[in-house]
């Protein structure tokens, strides 16, 4: 057993969607710090390019921007086509892009529900499907490639706030993960999901500002998640250490889903 390389992702080719900020940036920064070659996508090209330059400057890995709107099938095809020009394979795909919407049940707009489900669920499948040739290129059951879908603890335990499309789409992502794992495992492609709890992201900023103390009361570890928490889980899943793990949903939540005050 080579402990030195057990968690190594050095020189792996990684694509992280929504990598310009938030949890996606945390994940991308972890891979770059571990020496991987990372591509990030984001709807905002300026943010995407800025983050890629900043992460590359930190090294020792590299980070490159592949901007695109993951809501649009045409943009997904463009991202895959550009990546295919630059690389002959893909070791890790992290499906992180997501959106949320909150509104009282009697007022919840149909177009918002459709938009959230489209990005959080439909496009996870679309991008994974589009990346299959690259994921298959060097994959084997002994040295698999990896798909990591970012779900949510709200897809496990219904949240107190009215974000119906978000919680439903994330629950579906967890099940899609299991379905894809059973289908793609024989081809040497691992598929796992991470269900994050509370992290200090732009999406959570307003909620934390308003209800931060109350939220942390329901987290047994009494803190929000850090970049190391989420990046470390991704690195495990895509390194030799995680090569016998597929179809799993990892709760990275400080114990929120078992907290008595959840």
Protein backbone atom coordinates (compact mmCIF):
# COMPACT_ATOMS: atom_id res chain seq x y z
CA UNK A 1 0.00 0.00 0.00
CA UNK A 2 1.49 3.31 -1.14
CA UNK A 3 0.24 5.76 1.47
CA UNK A 4 2.02 8.69 -0.19
CA UNK A 5 -0.13 8.35 -3.32
CA UNK A 6 -3.34 7.08 -1.69
CA UNK A 7 -5.05 10.48 -1.81
CA UNK A 8 -3.08 11.93 -4.73
CA UNK A 9 -4.92 13.68 -7.56
CA UNK A 10 -1.76 15.24 -9.01
CA UNK A 11 -1.99 15.80 -12.78
CA UNK A 12 -5.60 14.60 -12.95
CA UNK A 13 -7.83 16.50 -15.39
CA UNK A 14 -10.85 17.93 -13.57
CA UNK A 15 -13.94 19.88 -14.64
CA UNK A 16 -15.89 21.75 -11.95
CA UNK A 17 -19.14 23.45 -12.92
CA UNK A 18 -20.09 26.58 -11.03
CA UNK A 19 -16.42 26.83 -10.17
CA UNK A 20 -16.24 30.61 -10.23
CA UNK A 21 -17.43 31.07 -6.66
CA UNK A 22 -18.99 29.39 -3.65
CA UNK A 23 -18.65 25.66 -3.09
CA UNK A 24 -17.46 25.19 -6.67
CA UNK A 25 -14.55 27.54 -6.09
CA UNK A 26 -13.75 25.75 -2.83
CA UNK A 27 -13.62 22.42 -4.68
CA UNK A 28 -11.56 23.82 -7.55
CA UNK A 29 -9.09 25.42 -5.14
CA UNK A 30 -8.57 22.07 -3.42
CA UNK A 31 -7.78 20.28 -6.66
CA UNK A 32 -5.40 23.03 -7.79
CA UNK A 33 -3.63 22.94 -4.42
CA UNK A 34 -3.26 19.18 -4.88
CA UNK A 35 -1.58 19.62 -8.27
CA UNK A 36 -4.46 18.84 -10.62
CA UNK A 37 -5.28 20.49 -13.95
CA UNK A 38 -8.65 22.08 -13.34
CA UNK A 39 -11.20 23.58 -15.72
CA UNK A 40 -14.02 25.64 -14.24
CA UNK A 41 -17.25 26.74 -15.87
CA UNK A 42 -19.52 29.57 -14.82
CA UNK A 43 -22.25 31.62 -16.46
CA UNK A 44 -20.37 34.82 -15.61
CA UNK A 45 -17.30 34.81 -17.87
CA UNK A 46 -15.61 37.63 -15.96
CA UNK A 47 -15.91 35.81 -12.64
CA UNK A 48 -14.85 32.53 -14.23
CA UNK A 49 -11.69 34.01 -15.77
CA UNK A 50 -10.81 35.93 -12.61
CA UNK A 51 -11.11 32.86 -10.39
CA UNK A 52 -9.11 30.71 -12.81
CA UNK A 53 -6.24 33.23 -12.84
CA UNK A 54 -6.25 33.53 -9.06
CA UNK A 55 -6.20 29.79 -8.49
CA UNK A 56 -3.47 29.22 -11.09
CA UNK A 57 -1.35 31.87 -9.39
CA UNK A 58 -1.59 29.94 -6.13
CA UNK A 59 -0.66 26.62 -7.80
CA UNK A 60 0.94 24.17 -7.86
CA UNK A 61 -1.77 22.94 -10.20
CA UNK A 62 -3.40 24.93 -13.00
CA UNK A 63 -6.87 26.34 -13.50
CA UNK A 64 -8.52 27.37 -16.77
CA UNK A 65 -11.87 29.00 -17.51
CA UNK A 66 -14.54 27.46 -19.74
CA UNK A 67 -17.42 29.95 -19.35
CA UNK A 68 -20.94 28.90 -20.25
CA UNK A 69 -24.55 28.94 -19.12
CA UNK A 70 -25.30 25.44 -17.88
CA UNK A 71 -29.03 26.11 -18.30
CA UNK A 72 -28.50 25.92 -22.07
CA UNK A 73 -27.84 22.68 -23.93
CA UNK A 74 -25.94 24.66 -26.59
CA UNK A 75 -23.51 26.01 -24.00
CA UNK A 76 -22.97 22.55 -22.54
CA UNK A 77 -22.13 21.23 -26.01
CA UNK A 78 -19.69 24.12 -26.49
CA UNK A 79 -17.98 23.45 -23.16
CA UNK A 80 -17.59 19.75 -23.96
CA UNK A 81 -16.34 20.52 -27.48
CA UNK A 82 -13.75 23.00 -26.19
CA UNK A 83 -12.59 20.64 -23.47
CA UNK A 84 -12.28 17.85 -26.04
CA UNK A 85 -9.95 20.05 -28.10
CA UNK A 86 -7.75 20.67 -25.08
CA UNK A 87 -7.73 17.22 -23.45
CA UNK A 88 -7.94 13.61 -24.62
CA UNK A 89 -9.62 12.46 -21.41
CA UNK A 90 -11.33 13.64 -18.23
CA UNK A 91 -10.53 12.10 -14.85
CA UNK A 92 -13.05 13.96 -12.70
CA UNK A 93 -16.35 15.73 -13.42
CA UNK A 94 -17.84 17.70 -10.53
CA UNK A 95 -21.45 18.70 -11.24
CA UNK A 96 -21.78 21.61 -8.85
CA UNK A 97 -23.75 24.33 -10.68
CA UNK A 98 -27.06 24.98 -9.01
CA UNK A 99 -29.77 27.49 -8.21
CA UNK A 100 -32.46 27.95 -5.62
CA UNK A 101 -35.71 29.86 -5.25
CA UNK A 102 -37.87 30.49 -2.22
CA UNK A 103 -41.50 31.55 -2.12
CA UNK A 104 -44.68 30.70 -0.19
CA UNK A 105 -46.38 27.61 -1.58
CA UNK A 106 -49.43 29.56 -2.79
CA UNK A 107 -47.23 31.98 -4.72
CA UNK A 108 -44.42 29.71 -5.94
CA UNK A 109 -43.95 30.54 -9.66
CA UNK A 110 -43.95 27.72 -12.15
CA UNK A 111 -41.17 29.22 -14.26
CA UNK A 112 -38.90 29.44 -11.20
CA UNK A 113 -39.63 25.80 -10.32
CA UNK A 114 -38.80 24.72 -13.87
CA UNK A 115 -35.59 26.79 -13.96
CA UNK A 116 -34.27 25.37 -10.69
CA UNK A 117 -35.04 21.77 -11.61
CA UNK A 118 -33.56 22.25 -15.08
CA UNK A 119 -30.19 23.44 -13.78
CA UNK A 120 -29.97 21.33 -10.64
CA UNK A 121 -31.11 18.03 -12.16
CA UNK A 122 -31.61 17.96 -15.92
CA UNK A 123 -28.30 19.58 -16.77
CA UNK A 124 -26.39 17.28 -14.41
CA UNK A 125 -27.51 14.45 -16.67
CA UNK A 126 -26.90 16.45 -19.87
CA UNK A 127 -23.32 17.36 -18.98
CA UNK A 128 -22.47 13.90 -17.65
CA UNK A 129 -23.83 12.39 -20.85
CA UNK A 130 -21.83 14.84 -22.96
CA UNK A 131 -18.60 14.10 -21.06
CA UNK A 132 -18.90 10.32 -21.32
CA UNK A 133 -16.42 9.96 -24.21
CA UNK A 134 -13.79 11.87 -22.22
CA UNK A 135 -14.62 10.02 -18.98
CA UNK A 136 -14.38 6.67 -20.76
CA UNK A 137 -11.15 7.46 -22.62
CA UNK A 138 -8.73 6.21 -19.96
CA UNK A 139 -11.10 4.64 -17.44
CA UNK A 140 -10.97 1.09 -16.16
CA UNK A 141 -12.34 -0.66 -13.09
CA UNK A 142 -8.80 -0.67 -11.68
CA UNK A 143 -8.19 3.01 -12.44
CA UNK A 144 -11.63 4.60 -12.75
CA UNK A 145 -12.68 8.11 -13.65
CA UNK A 146 -15.07 9.87 -11.31
CA UNK A 147 -18.30 11.86 -11.42
CA UNK A 148 -19.18 13.78 -8.27
CA UNK A 149 -22.64 15.33 -8.06
CA UNK A 150 -23.23 18.07 -5.51
CA UNK A 151 -26.59 17.44 -3.88
CA UNK A 152 -27.74 18.87 -0.55
CA UNK A 153 -28.90 17.85 2.90
CA UNK A 154 -32.16 19.53 1.85
CA UNK A 155 -32.56 16.57 -0.49
CA UNK A 156 -32.40 14.27 2.55
CA UNK A 157 -34.30 16.21 5.21
CA UNK A 158 -36.96 18.73 4.07
CA UNK A 159 -35.89 22.26 4.97
CA UNK A 160 -37.94 24.59 7.14
CA UNK A 161 -37.92 27.30 4.45
CA UNK A 162 -40.05 27.09 1.31
CA UNK A 163 -37.57 26.11 -1.41
CA UNK A 164 -39.63 23.34 -2.96
CA UNK A 165 -37.84 23.08 -6.31
CA UNK A 166 -34.40 23.09 -4.69
CA UNK A 167 -35.06 20.32 -2.17
CA UNK A 168 -36.90 18.18 -4.72
CA UNK A 169 -34.19 18.57 -7.37
CA UNK A 170 -31.42 17.70 -4.91
CA UNK A 171 -33.25 14.57 -3.74
CA UNK A 172 -33.52 13.60 -7.40
CA UNK A 173 -29.79 14.24 -7.90
CA UNK A 174 -29.04 11.74 -5.13
CA UNK A 175 -31.14 9.08 -6.83
CA UNK A 176 -29.77 9.90 -10.28
CA UNK A 177 -26.32 9.37 -8.76
CA UNK A 178 -27.22 5.85 -7.67
CA UNK A 179 -28.77 5.05 -11.05
CA UNK A 180 -25.74 6.31 -12.97
CA UNK A 181 -23.39 4.44 -10.63
CA UNK A 182 -25.07 1.13 -11.39
CA UNK A 183 -24.95 1.77 -15.14
CA UNK A 184 -21.45 3.24 -15.46
CA UNK A 185 -19.56 1.20 -12.85
CA UNK A 186 -18.75 -1.65 -15.27
CA UNK A 187 -17.15 0.93 -17.57
CA UNK A 188 -14.84 2.16 -14.84
CA UNK A 189 -16.74 5.35 -14.05
CA UNK A 190 -17.54 6.00 -10.40
CA UNK A 191 -20.55 8.18 -9.60
CA UNK A 192 -21.04 9.58 -6.11
CA UNK A 193 -22.82 12.54 -4.55
CA UNK A 194 -22.00 14.94 -1.76
CA UNK A 195 -24.82 16.48 0.27
CA UNK A 196 -23.33 19.64 1.80
CA UNK A 197 -24.79 21.31 4.83
CA UNK A 198 -24.20 24.94 5.69
CA UNK A 199 -21.27 26.59 3.92
CA UNK A 200 -20.44 30.30 3.75
CA UNK A 201 -21.43 30.90 0.11
CA UNK A 202 -23.17 33.72 -1.72
CA UNK A 203 -26.29 31.56 -1.97
CA UNK A 204 -26.36 31.15 1.81
CA UNK A 205 -25.19 34.68 2.75
CA UNK A 206 -28.65 36.17 3.28
CA UNK A 207 -29.91 33.16 5.21
CA UNK A 208 -26.85 33.09 7.47
CA UNK A 209 -27.09 36.81 8.13
CA UNK A 210 -30.74 36.54 9.10
CA UNK A 211 -30.83 33.17 10.86
CA UNK A 212 -27.18 32.16 11.34
CA UNK A 213 -27.34 31.61 15.11
CA UNK A 214 -30.50 29.53 14.87
CA UNK A 215 -29.10 27.46 12.00
CA UNK A 216 -25.87 26.69 13.87
CA UNK A 217 -27.90 25.53 16.86
CA UNK A 218 -28.95 22.60 14.67
CA UNK A 219 -25.39 21.76 13.64
CA UNK A 220 -23.80 19.49 16.26
CA UNK A 221 -20.32 20.76 15.34
CA UNK A 222 -21.58 24.37 15.75
CA UNK A 223 -19.78 25.79 12.70
CA UNK A 224 -20.24 26.23 8.99
CA UNK A 225 -18.33 24.07 6.51
CA UNK A 226 -14.87 25.10 5.29
CA UNK A 227 -13.20 24.74 1.87
CA UNK A 228 -11.11 21.89 3.29
CA UNK A 229 -14.26 19.99 4.30
CA UNK A 230 -15.79 19.92 0.82
CA UNK A 231 -12.56 19.74 -1.20
CA UNK A 232 -11.21 16.93 0.98
CA UNK A 233 -14.29 14.80 0.33
CA UNK A 234 -13.99 15.35 -3.42
CA UNK A 235 -10.29 14.49 -3.37
CA UNK A 236 -11.01 11.27 -1.48
CA UNK A 237 -13.68 10.25 -3.97
CA UNK A 238 -11.45 10.85 -7.00
CA UNK A 239 -8.19 9.44 -5.61
CA UNK A 240 -7.04 5.85 -5.16
CA UNK A 241 -8.57 5.96 -1.69
CA UNK A 242 -12.07 6.14 -3.18
CA UNK A 243 -11.74 3.62 -6.02
CA UNK A 244 -14.10 1.10 -4.40
CA UNK A 245 -16.78 3.66 -3.56
CA UNK A 246 -19.63 4.35 -5.97
CA UNK A 247 -23.33 5.10 -5.70
CA UNK A 248 -22.86 6.76 -2.30
CA UNK A 249 -24.24 10.04 -0.95
CA UNK A 250 -21.85 11.67 1.52
CA UNK A 251 -23.38 14.04 4.08
CA UNK A 252 -20.82 16.79 4.67
CA UNK A 253 -22.92 18.77 7.10
CA UNK A 254 -21.36 18.84 10.55
CA UNK A 255 -24.06 16.43 11.70
CA UNK A 256 -27.03 18.61 10.68
CA UNK A 257 -29.15 15.72 9.46
CA UNK A 258 -28.82 13.96 12.83
CA UNK A 259 -29.02 17.11 14.96
CA UNK A 260 -32.03 17.19 17.23
CA UNK A 261 -32.77 20.80 16.25
CA UNK A 262 -32.64 20.29 12.46
